[in-house]
C-alpha atoms as a PDB file:
ATOM      1  CA  UNK A   1     103.674  79.153  98.858  1.00  0.00           C
ATOM      2  CA  UNK A   2     107.391  78.789  98.355  1.00  0.00           C
ATOM      3  CA  UNK A   3     109.742  78.459 101.565  1.00  0.00           C
ATOM      4  CA  UNK A   4     107.362  80.259 103.542  1.00  0.00           C
ATOM      5  CA  UNK A   5     105.994  77.252 106.596  1.00  0.00           C
ATOM      6  CA  UNK A   6     102.148  77.850 107.477  1.00  0.00           C
ATOM      7  CA  UNK A   7     102.639  78.389 111.093  1.00  0.00           C
ATOM      8  CA  UNK A   8     100.970  80.773 113.393  1.00  0.00           C
ATOM      9  CA  UNK A   9     102.957  83.889 114.319  1.00  0.00           C
ATOM     10  CA  UNK A  10     105.568  86.323 112.836  1.00  0.00           C
ATOM     11  CA  UNK A  11     106.919  85.720 109.460  1.00  0.00           C
ATOM     12  CA  UNK A  12     109.886  88.205 108.759  1.00  0.00           C
ATOM     13  CA  UNK A  13     109.408  89.051 104.720  1.00  0.00           C
ATOM     14  CA  UNK A  14     112.204  90.811 104.786  1.00  0.00           C
ATOM     15  CA  UNK A  15     113.957  94.763 104.439  1.00  0.00           C
ATOM     16  CA  UNK A  16     111.133  95.372 107.351  1.00  0.00           C
ATOM     17  CA  UNK A  17     108.139  93.863 105.920  1.00  0.00           C
ATOM     18  CA  UNK A  18     106.367  91.083 107.915  1.00  0.00           C
ATOM     19  CA  UNK A  19     103.233  89.040 107.878  1.00  0.00           C
ATOM     20  CA  UNK A  20     101.324  87.480 110.640  1.00  0.00           C
ATOM     21  CA  UNK A  21      99.819  84.915 109.859  1.00  0.00           C
ATOM     22  CA  UNK A  22      97.511  82.755 111.453  1.00  0.00           C
ATOM     23  CA  UNK A  23      96.146  79.410 110.206  1.00  0.00           C
ATOM     24  CA  UNK A  24      93.982  77.747 109.676  1.00  0.00           C
ATOM     25  CA  UNK A  25      92.737  80.774 107.629  1.00  0.00           C
ATOM     26  CA  UNK A  26      88.947  79.749 107.557  1.00  0.00           C
ATOM     27  CA  UNK A  27      86.343  82.140 109.042  1.00  0.00           C
ATOM     28  CA  UNK A  28      87.640  84.697 111.727  1.00  0.00           C
ATOM     29  CA  UNK A  29      91.266  83.180 111.435  1.00  0.00           C
ATOM     30  CA  UNK A  30      92.742  86.379 109.783  1.00  0.00           C
ATOM     31  CA  UNK A  31      96.205  87.415 108.893  1.00  0.00           C
ATOM     32  CA  UNK A  32      97.562  90.936 109.390  1.00  0.00           C
ATOM     33  CA  UNK A  33     101.154  92.348 108.825  1.00  0.00           C
ATOM     34  CA  UNK A  34     103.518  95.199 109.285  1.00  0.00           C
ATOM     35  CA  UNK A  35     105.709  97.861 107.070  1.00  0.00           C
ATOM     36  CA  UNK A  36     108.411  99.357 109.039  1.00  0.00           C
ATOM     37  CA  UNK A  37     111.493 101.811 108.071  1.00  0.00           C
ATOM     38  CA  UNK A  38     113.739 102.830 110.900  1.00  0.00           C
ATOM     39  CA  UNK A  39     111.407 104.179 113.358  1.00  0.00           C
ATOM     40  CA  UNK A  40     108.535 104.140 111.848  1.00  0.00           C
ATOM     41  CA  UNK A  41     106.001 101.438 111.458  1.00  0.00           C
ATOM     42  CA  UNK A  42     102.708 100.700 109.775  1.00  0.00           C
ATOM     43  CA  UNK A  43     100.220  98.109 111.009  1.00  0.00           C
ATOM     44  CA  UNK A  44      97.936  96.333 108.265  1.00  0.00           C
ATOM     45  CA  UNK A  45      94.859  95.340 109.904  1.00  0.00           C
ATOM     46  CA  UNK A  46      93.482  94.025 113.404  1.00  0.00           C
ATOM     47  CA  UNK A  47      92.135  90.827 114.558  1.00  0.00           C
ATOM     48  CA  UNK A  48      88.946  89.267 115.578  1.00  0.00           C
ATOM     49  CA  UNK A  49      88.979  89.709 118.876  1.00  0.00           C
ATOM     50  CA  UNK A  50      90.626  91.595 121.703  1.00  0.00           C
ATOM     51  CA  UNK A  51      92.660  88.628 123.101  1.00  0.00           C
ATOM     52  CA  UNK A  52      94.067  87.824 119.596  1.00  0.00           C
ATOM     53  CA  UNK A  53      94.768  91.473 118.716  1.00  0.00           C
ATOM     54  CA  UNK A  54      96.363  91.837 121.818  1.00  0.00           C
ATOM     55  CA  UNK A  55      98.633  88.271 121.669  1.00  0.00           C
ATOM     56  CA  UNK A  56      99.604  89.660 117.626  1.00  0.00           C
ATOM     57  CA  UNK A  57     100.962  92.925 119.174  1.00  0.00           C
ATOM     58  CA  UNK A  58     103.002  91.764 122.552  1.00  0.00           C
ATOM     59  CA  UNK A  59     104.692  89.324 119.601  1.00  0.00           C
ATOM     60  CA  UNK A  60     105.252  92.394 117.165  1.00  0.00           C
ATOM     61  CA  UNK A  61     106.549  94.828 120.065  1.00  0.00           C
ATOM     62  CA  UNK A  62     109.001  92.144 121.226  1.00  0.00           C
ATOM     63  CA  UNK A  63     110.406  91.056 118.017  1.00  0.00           C
ATOM     64  CA  UNK A  64     110.227  94.611 116.014  1.00  0.00           C
ATOM     65  CA  UNK A  65     111.556  97.456 117.527  1.00  0.00           C
ATOM     66  CA  UNK A  66     109.358  99.912 115.631  1.00  0.00           C
ATOM     67  CA  UNK A  67     106.341  98.570 116.826  1.00  0.00           C
ATOM     68  CA  UNK A  68     106.513  99.938 119.936  1.00  0.00           C
ATOM     69  CA  UNK A  69     104.777 103.175 118.567  1.00  0.00           C
ATOM     70  CA  UNK A  70     102.252 102.499 115.626  1.00  0.00           C
ATOM     71  CA  UNK A  71     101.811 105.382 113.685  1.00  0.00           C
ATOM     72  CA  UNK A  72      99.495 104.232 111.487  1.00  0.00           C
ATOM     73  CA  UNK A  73      97.093 101.057 111.602  1.00  0.00           C
ATOM     74  CA  UNK A  74      95.487 100.733 107.939  1.00  0.00           C
ATOM     75  CA  UNK A  75      92.395  98.804 107.582  1.00  0.00           C
ATOM     76  CA  UNK A  76      92.286  96.677 104.483  1.00  0.00           C
ATOM     77  CA  UNK A  77      88.417  96.317 104.505  1.00  0.00           C
ATOM     78  CA  UNK A  78      85.570  96.477 107.580  1.00  0.00           C
ATOM     79  CA  UNK A  79      85.064  92.697 108.242  1.00  0.00           C
ATOM     80  CA  UNK A  80      85.150  92.263 111.752  1.00  0.00           C
ATOM     81  CA  UNK A  81      88.085  89.709 111.622  1.00  0.00           C
ATOM     82  CA  UNK A  82      89.982  92.548 110.219  1.00  0.00           C
ATOM     83  CA  UNK A  83      89.143  95.308 112.286  1.00  0.00           C
ATOM     84  CA  UNK A  84      87.463  94.151 116.163  1.00  0.00           C
ATOM     85  CA  UNK A  85      91.451  94.759 117.673  1.00  0.00           C
ATOM     86  CA  UNK A  86      91.670  98.500 116.253  1.00  0.00           C
ATOM     87  CA  UNK A  87      90.896 100.102 119.738  1.00  0.00           C
ATOM     88  CA  UNK A  88      94.018  98.628 121.016  1.00  0.00           C
ATOM     89  CA  UNK A  89      96.066 100.525 118.604  1.00  0.00           C
ATOM     90  CA  UNK A  90      95.772 103.392 120.758  1.00  0.00           C
ATOM     91  CA  UNK A  91      97.174 106.960 118.773  1.00  0.00           C
ATOM     92  CA  UNK A  92      97.490 105.648 115.630  1.00  0.00           C
ATOM     93  CA  UNK A  93      96.134 107.125 112.286  1.00  0.00           C
ATOM     94  CA  UNK A  94      93.509 104.800 111.178  1.00  0.00           C
ATOM     95  CA  UNK A  95      93.362 105.047 107.620  1.00  0.00           C
ATOM     96  CA  UNK A  96      90.682 103.077 105.268  1.00  0.00           C
ATOM     97  CA  UNK A  97      88.686 103.814 102.311  1.00  0.00           C
ATOM     98  CA  UNK A  98      85.243 105.871 102.460  1.00  0.00           C
ATOM     99  CA  UNK A  99      83.302 102.243 101.570  1.00  0.00           C
ATOM    100  CA  UNK A 100      85.200 100.882 104.491  1.00  0.00           C
ATOM    101  CA  UNK A 101      83.609 103.424 106.910  1.00  0.00           C
ATOM    102  CA  UNK A 102      80.498 102.784 105.448  1.00  0.00           C
ATOM    103  CA  UNK A 103      80.348  99.310 105.602  1.00  0.00           C
ATOM    104  CA  UNK A 104      81.611  99.833 109.090  1.00  0.00           C
ATOM    105  CA  UNK A 105      78.943  98.281 111.466  1.00  0.00           C
ATOM    106  CA  UNK A 106      77.759  95.637 109.134  1.00  0.00           C
ATOM    107  CA  UNK A 107      78.993  92.822 112.101  1.00  0.00           C
ATOM    108  CA  UNK A 108      78.453  94.152 115.328  1.00  0.00           C
ATOM    109  CA  UNK A 109      80.526  92.547 117.893  1.00  0.00           C
ATOM    110  CA  UNK A 110      77.857  92.648 120.226  1.00  0.00           C
ATOM    111  CA  UNK A 111      75.842  90.722 118.056  1.00  0.00           C
ATOM    112  CA  UNK A 112      77.836  88.181 117.843  1.00  0.00           C
ATOM    113  CA  UNK A 113      78.786  87.666 121.388  1.00  0.00           C
ATOM    114  CA  UNK A 114      75.150  87.097 121.830  1.00  0.00           C
ATOM    115  CA  UNK A 115      74.810  84.769 119.097  1.00  0.00           C
ATOM    116  CA  UNK A 116      77.952  83.057 121.023  1.00  0.00           C
ATOM    117  CA  UNK A 117      75.824  83.295 124.180  1.00  0.00           C
ATOM    118  CA  UNK A 118      72.622  81.899 122.589  1.00  0.00           C
ATOM    119  CA  UNK A 119      72.683  80.771 119.129  1.00  0.00           C
ATOM    120  CA  UNK A 120      69.340  79.161 119.476  1.00  0.00           C
ATOM    121  CA  UNK A 121      67.578  82.700 118.943  1.00  0.00           C
ATOM    122  CA  UNK A 122      68.789  82.621 114.989  1.00  0.00           C
ATOM    123  CA  UNK A 123      68.041  78.875 114.754  1.00  0.00           C
ATOM    124  CA  UNK A 124      69.976  77.159 112.061  1.00  0.00           C
ATOM    125  CA  UNK A 125      72.066  80.208 111.446  1.00  0.00           C
ATOM    126  CA  UNK A 126      73.039  80.983 114.814  1.00  0.00           C
ATOM    127  CA  UNK A 127      74.207  77.285 115.290  1.00  0.00           C
ATOM    128  CA  UNK A 128      76.542  77.906 111.796  1.00  0.00           C
ATOM    129  CA  UNK A 129      77.895  80.984 113.052  1.00  0.00           C
ATOM    130  CA  UNK A 130      78.402  79.936 116.739  1.00  0.00           C
ATOM    131  CA  UNK A 131      80.239  77.107 115.215  1.00  0.00           C
ATOM    132  CA  UNK A 132      82.274  79.512 112.701  1.00  0.00           C
ATOM    133  CA  UNK A 133      83.271  81.884 115.305  1.00  0.00           C
ATOM    134  CA  UNK A 134      83.669  79.260 118.445  1.00  0.00           C
ATOM    135  CA  UNK A 135      87.169  80.412 118.991  1.00  0.00           C
ATOM    136  CA  UNK A 136      86.358  83.821 119.724  1.00  0.00           C
ATOM    137  CA  UNK A 137      85.284  86.360 122.435  1.00  0.00           C
ATOM    138  CA  UNK A 138      83.471  89.307 121.285  1.00  0.00           C
ATOM    139  CA  UNK A 139      82.987  90.879 124.682  1.00  0.00           C
ATOM    140  CA  UNK A 140      84.435  94.461 125.369  1.00  0.00           C
ATOM    141  CA  UNK A 141      84.936  95.270 121.780  1.00  0.00           C
ATOM    142  CA  UNK A 142      84.386  98.814 120.890  1.00  0.00           C
ATOM    143  CA  UNK A 143      83.753  99.376 116.988  1.00  0.00           C
ATOM    144  CA  UNK A 144      86.834 101.854 116.083  1.00  0.00           C
ATOM    145  CA  UNK A 145      86.718 103.145 112.466  1.00  0.00           C
ATOM    146  CA  UNK A 146      88.787 104.517 110.576  1.00  0.00           C
ATOM    147  CA  UNK A 147      89.210 108.565 111.233  1.00  0.00           C
ATOM    148  CA  UNK A 148      90.953 109.217 107.860  1.00  0.00           C
ATOM    149  CA  UNK A 149      89.502 107.918 104.215  1.00  0.00           C
ATOM    150  CA  UNK A 150      90.400 108.323 100.588  1.00  0.00           C
ATOM    151  CA  UNK A 151      89.218 107.056  97.479  1.00  0.00           C
ATOM    152  CA  UNK A 152      91.234 105.820  94.598  1.00  0.00           C
ATOM    153  CA  UNK A 153      94.830 105.936  95.883  1.00  0.00           C
ATOM    154  CA  UNK A 154      97.009 107.310  98.771  1.00  0.00           C
ATOM    155  CA  UNK A 155     100.878 107.303  99.225  1.00  0.00           C
ATOM    156  CA  UNK A 156     102.191 106.941 102.838  1.00  0.00           C
ATOM    157  CA  UNK A 157     105.738 107.432 103.778  1.00  0.00           C
ATOM    158  CA  UNK A 158     106.623 104.929 106.274  1.00  0.00           C
ATOM    159  CA  UNK A 159     109.886 106.567 106.999  1.00  0.00           C
ATOM    160  CA  UNK A 160     111.535 106.875 103.660  1.00  0.00           C
ATOM    161  CA  UNK A 161     109.648 103.914 102.289  1.00  0.00           C
ATOM    162  CA  UNK A 162     106.760 104.293  99.910  1.00  0.00           C
ATOM    163  CA  UNK A 163     103.469 102.515 100.332  1.00  0.00           C
ATOM    164  CA  UNK A 164     100.655 102.607  98.039  1.00  0.00           C
ATOM    165  CA  UNK A 165      96.964 102.320  98.995  1.00  0.00           C
ATOM    166  CA  UNK A 166      95.162 101.421  96.268  1.00  0.00           C
ATOM    167  CA  UNK A 167      91.083 101.231  96.360  1.00  0.00           C
ATOM    168  CA  UNK A 168      89.779  98.025  94.859  1.00  0.00           C
ATOM    169  CA  UNK A 169      86.447  97.551  96.279  1.00  0.00           C
ATOM    170  CA  UNK A 170      83.823  96.908  96.151  1.00  0.00           C
ATOM    171  CA  UNK A 171      84.462  92.954  95.745  1.00  0.00           C
ATOM    172  CA  UNK A 172      84.473  90.907  98.379  1.00  0.00           C
ATOM    173  CA  UNK A 173      83.508  93.956 100.381  1.00  0.00           C
ATOM    174  CA  UNK A 174      82.379  97.151 100.165  1.00  0.00           C
ATOM    175  CA  UNK A 175      85.946  98.697 100.575  1.00  0.00           C
ATOM    176  CA  UNK A 176      88.653  96.465  99.539  1.00  0.00           C
ATOM    177  CA  UNK A 177      92.100  98.303  99.943  1.00  0.00           C
ATOM    178  CA  UNK A 178      95.349  96.730  98.562  1.00  0.00           C
ATOM    179  CA  UNK A 179      98.509  97.524 100.801  1.00  0.00           C
ATOM    180  CA  UNK A 180     101.333  97.857  97.820  1.00  0.00           C
ATOM    181  CA  UNK A 181     104.939  98.212  99.077  1.00  0.00           C
ATOM    182  CA  UNK A 182     107.106  98.264  95.764  1.00  0.00           C
ATOM    183  CA  UNK A 183     110.407  99.015  96.600  1.00  0.00           C
ATOM    184  CA  UNK A 184     110.105  95.465  98.473  1.00  0.00           C
ATOM    185  CA  UNK A 185     107.733  94.090  96.386  1.00  0.00           C
ATOM    186  CA  UNK A 186     105.355  93.171  98.904  1.00  0.00           C
ATOM    187  CA  UNK A 187     101.521  93.527  98.505  1.00  0.00           C
ATOM    188  CA  UNK A 188      98.908  92.914 101.633  1.00  0.00           C
ATOM    189  CA  UNK A 189      95.412  91.958 100.013  1.00  0.00           C
ATOM    190  CA  UNK A 190      93.231  91.545 102.663  1.00  0.00           C
ATOM    191  CA  UNK A 191      90.556  89.588 101.667  1.00  0.00           C
ATOM    192  CA  UNK A 192      90.841  90.161  98.155  1.00  0.00           C
ATOM    193  CA  UNK A 193      93.211  86.989  98.364  1.00  0.00           C
ATOM    194  CA  UNK A 194      91.832  83.501 100.296  1.00  0.00           C
ATOM    195  CA  UNK A 195      94.961  81.515  99.768  1.00  0.00           C
ATOM    196  CA  UNK A 196      94.203  78.029  99.884  1.00  0.00           C
ATOM    197  CA  UNK A 197      90.354  78.614 100.626  1.00  0.00           C
ATOM    198  CA  UNK A 198      87.403  79.541  98.941  1.00  0.00           C
ATOM    199  CA  UNK A 199      86.586  82.990  98.888  1.00  0.00           C
ATOM    200  CA  UNK A 200      83.057  84.929  99.988  1.00  0.00           C
ATOM    201  CA  UNK A 201      81.487  87.788  97.552  1.00  0.00           C
ATOM    202  CA  UNK A 202      79.849  89.502 100.003  1.00  0.00           C
ATOM    203  CA  UNK A 203      79.202  92.690  97.491  1.00  0.00           C
ATOM    204  CA  UNK A 204      80.819  92.064  94.422  1.00  0.00           C
ATOM    205  CA  UNK A 205      80.384  93.008  91.223  1.00  0.00           C
ATOM    206  CA  UNK A 206      82.542  89.757  90.858  1.00  0.00           C
ATOM    207  CA  UNK A 207      84.058  90.929  87.702  1.00  0.00           C
ATOM    208  CA  UNK A 208      85.345  94.050  90.059  1.00  0.00           C
ATOM    209  CA  UNK A 209      87.224  91.268  91.925  1.00  0.00           C
ATOM    210  CA  UNK A 210      88.299  89.844  89.099  1.00  0.00           C
ATOM    211  CA  UNK A 211      89.967  92.790  88.328  1.00  0.00           C
ATOM    212  CA  UNK A 212      91.310  93.525  91.548  1.00  0.00           C
ATOM    213  CA  UNK A 213      93.258  90.181  91.089  1.00  0.00           C
ATOM    214  CA  UNK A 214      94.232  91.295  87.608  1.00  0.00           C
ATOM    215  CA  UNK A 215      95.827  94.473  89.549  1.00  0.00           C
ATOM    216  CA  UNK A 216      97.697  92.245  91.358  1.00  0.00           C
ATOM    217  CA  UNK A 217      99.279  90.015  89.239  1.00  0.00           C
ATOM    218  CA  UNK A 218     100.398  93.140  86.747  1.00  0.00           C
ATOM    219  CA  UNK A 219     102.547  94.266  90.005  1.00  0.00           C
ATOM    220  CA  UNK A 220     105.956  93.360  90.384  1.00  0.00           C
ATOM    221  CA  UNK A 221     105.488  91.672  93.489  1.00  0.00           C
ATOM    222  CA  UNK A 222     107.388  88.262  95.022  1.00  0.00           C
ATOM    223  CA  UNK A 223     105.499  87.771  98.379  1.00  0.00           C
ATOM    224  CA  UNK A 224     101.337  88.315  98.966  1.00  0.00           C
ATOM    225  CA  UNK A 225     100.236  88.550 102.213  1.00  0.00           C
ATOM    226  CA  UNK A 226      96.441  87.291 102.121  1.00  0.00           C
ATOM    227  CA  UNK A 227      93.559  87.905 104.029  1.00  0.00           C
ATOM    228  CA  UNK A 228      93.304  83.989 105.065  1.00  0.00           C
ATOM    229  CA  UNK A 229      95.859  81.715 104.522  1.00  0.00           C
ATOM    230  CA  UNK A 230      99.227  81.038 103.890  1.00  0.00           C
ATOM    231  CA  UNK A 231     102.110  83.458 102.824  1.00  0.00           C
ATOM    232  CA  UNK A 232     101.240  83.389  98.813  1.00  0.00           C
ATOM    233  CA  UNK A 233     102.748  84.222  95.510  1.00  0.00           C
ATOM    234  CA  UNK A 234     101.179  85.522  92.474  1.00  0.00           C
ATOM    235  CA  UNK A 235     100.368  81.926  91.329  1.00  0.00           C
ATOM    236  CA  UNK A 236      97.957  81.655  94.450  1.00  0.00           C
ATOM    237  CA  UNK A 237      96.137  84.752  93.210  1.00  0.00           C
ATOM    238  CA  UNK A 238      95.590  83.302  89.533  1.00  0.00           C
ATOM    239  CA  UNK A 239      94.494  80.558  90.811  1.00  0.00           C
ATOM    240  CA  UNK A 240      91.762  82.095  93.110  1.00  0.00           C
ATOM    241  CA  UNK A 241      90.958  84.815  89.968  1.00  0.00           C
ATOM    242  CA  UNK A 242      90.441  81.694  88.259  1.00  0.00           C
ATOM    243  CA  UNK A 243      87.737  80.292  90.825  1.00  0.00           C
ATOM    244  CA  UNK A 244      86.177  83.459  90.429  1.00  0.00           C
ATOM    245  CA  UNK A 245      86.224  83.527  86.185  1.00  0.00           C
ATOM    246  CA  UNK A 246      84.887  79.773  86.043  1.00  0.00           C
ATOM    247  CA  UNK A 247      82.094  80.213  88.703  1.00  0.00           C
ATOM    248  CA  UNK A 248      80.805  83.373  86.794  1.00  0.00           C
ATOM    249  CA  UNK A 249      80.822  81.541  83.453  1.00  0.00           C
ATOM    250  CA  UNK A 250      79.325  78.242  85.127  1.00  0.00           C
ATOM    251  CA  UNK A 251      76.352  80.139  87.295  1.00  0.00           C
ATOM    252  CA  UNK A 252      75.456  82.181  83.651  1.00  0.00           C
ATOM    253  CA  UNK A 253      73.710  79.293  82.219  1.00  0.00           C
ATOM    254  CA  UNK A 254      72.082  78.599  85.475  1.00  0.00           C
ATOM    255  CA  UNK A 255      70.735  82.115  85.786  1.00  0.00           C
ATOM    256  CA  UNK A 256      69.333  82.383  82.334  1.00  0.00           C
ATOM    257  CA  UNK A 257      67.244  79.151  82.879  1.00  0.00           C
ATOM    258  CA  UNK A 258      65.232  80.961  85.637  1.00  0.00           C
ATOM    259  CA  UNK A 259      66.717  78.796  88.393  1.00  0.00           C
ATOM    260  CA  UNK A 260      67.452  80.777  91.693  1.00  0.00           C
ATOM    261  CA  UNK A 261      70.635  81.216  93.179  1.00  0.00           C
ATOM    262  CA  UNK A 262      70.114  79.057  96.098  1.00  0.00           C
ATOM    263  CA  UNK A 263      68.821  75.860  93.454  1.00  0.00           C
ATOM    264  CA  UNK A 264      71.836  77.434  91.395  1.00  0.00           C
ATOM    265  CA  UNK A 265      74.350  76.011  94.508  1.00  0.00           C
ATOM    266  CA  UNK A 266      73.388  72.845  94.189  1.00  0.00           C
ATOM    267  CA  UNK A 267      73.329  72.415  90.404  1.00  0.00           C
ATOM    268  CA  UNK A 268      76.686  74.621  89.583  1.00  0.00           C
ATOM    269  CA  UNK A 269      79.912  71.972  88.683  1.00  0.00           C
ATOM    270  CA  UNK A 270      82.364  72.974  91.382  1.00  0.00           C
ATOM    271  CA  UNK A 271      84.675  70.721  89.900  1.00  0.00           C
ATOM    272  CA  UNK A 272      88.163  70.099  91.930  1.00  0.00           C
ATOM    273  CA  UNK A 273      86.931  73.452  94.355  1.00  0.00           C
ATOM    274  CA  UNK A 274      84.607  71.330  96.000  1.00  0.00           C
ATOM    275  CA  UNK A 275      87.242  70.192  97.950  1.00  0.00           C
ATOM    276  CA  UNK A 276      88.319  73.489  99.019  1.00  0.00           C
ATOM    277  CA  UNK A 277      87.915  74.419 101.928  1.00  0.00           C
ATOM    278  CA  UNK A 278      84.606  76.202 102.783  1.00  0.00           C
ATOM    279  CA  UNK A 279      83.362  75.571  99.494  1.00  0.00           C
ATOM    280  CA  UNK A 280      79.837  76.218 101.200  1.00  0.00           C
ATOM    281  CA  UNK A 281      80.309  80.028 100.686  1.00  0.00           C
ATOM    282  CA  UNK A 282      79.489  79.541  96.956  1.00  0.00           C
ATOM    283  CA  UNK A 283      75.883  79.851  98.267  1.00  0.00           C
ATOM    284  CA  UNK A 284      76.970  83.720  98.928  1.00  0.00           C
ATOM    285  CA  UNK A 285      78.911  84.020  95.735  1.00  0.00           C
ATOM    286  CA  UNK A 286      76.206  83.224  93.749  1.00  0.00           C
ATOM    287  CA  UNK A 287      73.653  85.356  95.437  1.00  0.00           C
ATOM    288  CA  UNK A 288      76.171  87.956  94.433  1.00  0.00           C
ATOM    289  CA  UNK A 289      76.566  86.939  90.892  1.00  0.00           C
ATOM    290  CA  UNK A 290      72.322  87.053  90.409  1.00  0.00           C
ATOM    291  CA  UNK A 291      72.501  90.772  91.472  1.00  0.00           C
ATOM    292  CA  UNK A 292      75.045  91.217  88.925  1.00  0.00           C
ATOM    293  CA  UNK A 293      73.314  89.343  85.817  1.00  0.00           C
ATOM    294  CA  UNK A 294      70.214  90.718  86.783  1.00  0.00           C
ATOM    295  CA  UNK A 295      71.853  94.999  86.139  1.00  0.00           C
ATOM    296  CA  UNK A 296      69.229  96.300  88.473  1.00  0.00           C
ATOM    297  CA  UNK A 297      69.940 100.667  88.820  1.00  0.00           C
ATOM    298  CA  UNK A 298      70.113  99.757  92.383  1.00  0.00           C
ATOM    299  CA  UNK A 299      72.452  97.212  93.902  1.00  0.00           C
ATOM    300  CA  UNK A 300      70.121  95.486  96.583  1.00  0.00           C
ATOM    301  CA  UNK A 301      71.619  94.921 100.347  1.00  0.00           C
ATOM    302  CA  UNK A 302      71.388  91.725 101.721  1.00  0.00           C
ATOM    303  CA  UNK A 303      70.910  91.084 105.849  1.00  0.00           C
ATOM    304  CA  UNK A 304      74.061  88.267 106.464  1.00  0.00           C
ATOM    305  CA  UNK A 305      72.713  85.951 108.525  1.00  0.00           C
ATOM    306  CA  UNK A 306      70.392  84.512 106.715  1.00  0.00           C
ATOM    307  CA  UNK A 307      73.022  83.071 104.753  1.00  0.00           C
ATOM    308  CA  UNK A 308      74.789  81.120 107.144  1.00  0.00           C
ATOM    309  CA  UNK A 309      71.698  78.671 107.423  1.00  0.00           C
ATOM    310  CA  UNK A 310      72.067  78.278 103.703  1.00  0.00           C
ATOM    311  CA  UNK A 311      75.815  77.869 104.196  1.00  0.00           C
ATOM    312  CA  UNK A 312      75.181  75.256 106.871  1.00  0.00           C
ATOM    313  CA  UNK A 313      72.813  73.035 104.901  1.00  0.00           C
ATOM    314  CA  UNK A 314      75.102  73.186 101.845  1.00  0.00           C
ATOM    315  CA  UNK A 315      78.251  72.452 103.931  1.00  0.00           C
ATOM    316  CA  UNK A 316      76.618  69.511 105.175  1.00  0.00           C
ATOM    317  CA  UNK A 317      75.539  68.135 101.787  1.00  0.00           C
ATOM    318  CA  UNK A 318      79.111  68.462 100.374  1.00  0.00           C
ATOM    319  CA  UNK A 319      79.962  66.394 103.789  1.00  0.00           C
ATOM    320  CA  UNK A 320      82.290  68.620 104.908  1.00  0.00           C
ATOM    321  CA  UNK A 321      83.481  68.267 108.899  1.00  0.00           C
ATOM    322  CA  UNK A 322      82.847  70.926 111.465  1.00  0.00           C
ATOM    323  CA  UNK A 323      84.206  74.222 110.589  1.00  0.00           C
ATOM    324  CA  UNK A 324      88.126  74.601 111.887  1.00  0.00           C
ATOM    325  CA  UNK A 325      87.712  70.160 112.894  1.00  0.00           C
ATOM    326  CA  UNK A 326      90.944  69.436 111.643  1.00  0.00           C
ATOM    327  CA  UNK A 327      92.891  72.854 112.956  1.00  0.00           C
ATOM    328  CA  UNK A 328      91.290  72.283 116.759  1.00  0.00           C
ATOM    329  CA  UNK A 329      91.921  68.176 116.493  1.00  0.00           C
ATOM    330  CA  UNK A 330      95.939  69.244 115.874  1.00  0.00           C
ATOM    331  CA  UNK A 331      96.589  72.568 117.212  1.00  0.00           C
ATOM    332  CA  UNK A 332      96.060  74.991 120.193  1.00  0.00           C
ATOM    333  CA  UNK A 333      95.195  78.666 119.515  1.00  0.00           C
END
């Protein structure tokens, strides 16, 4: 992590690049960023609810003169913890991949609000989702998807500063994007990097996610702003890439032995990764790897909610405390 402190708030990365970091980096606590040059401003992602996003924007506008009028918002992907605050960035161009727009309504804020109010309606899955998302208020959110889309690559100018948008999804999600600022040696990865936490492959192929990590490793960058976790370096990308490689290699024999992805989750050797935060996410990643191994002509789409019941049981099996437990014992968001 270098000299960066893992503290909530705005971090000056130098030369008009900023990271907005939100510990503990577990379910829902995500990062955002800002790229400026003169009066020009690009915002990387919003946060999981209106209160969190409004607080972030207030901090940015108090510290960064260009943030008073945000010209462009780029969503790295569609997950709500990176997009549910979009409606507060009024007047900005909102840009994302075509896959991000397609994926945008996968988690409906009204549904999440309903689960928070009455988790019993979804049983164990509902209770684990309520635990994961208990810090957030999903009321009042209007889904506000990108109004401009791209495929493969897009170059933006923020003042005189070049910003490269690089499509690397589907991987974690259907429409993942890297936001690369080459002259400043900074990249914003969205959820292509979970730093100091366990990644979750909602879509895959996992090989494509590994390739996305390798793209970052080949960049001339010194600072990596992860979708979750502390400000990072290439070493953190390499560590997470190795997790995906190791899980793929350890999962293949279990698939070939005829185990289901769920049975395999309890058999696979997690090794050092057992101690990573949110290690129960291996459940979803194995489901995605089973899809990869099956090589079906049409890739299946899975409803996310039932996975939360399976992850809750896995978390209990691993002996983990409740989600956000350590953070809420020591901090106040």
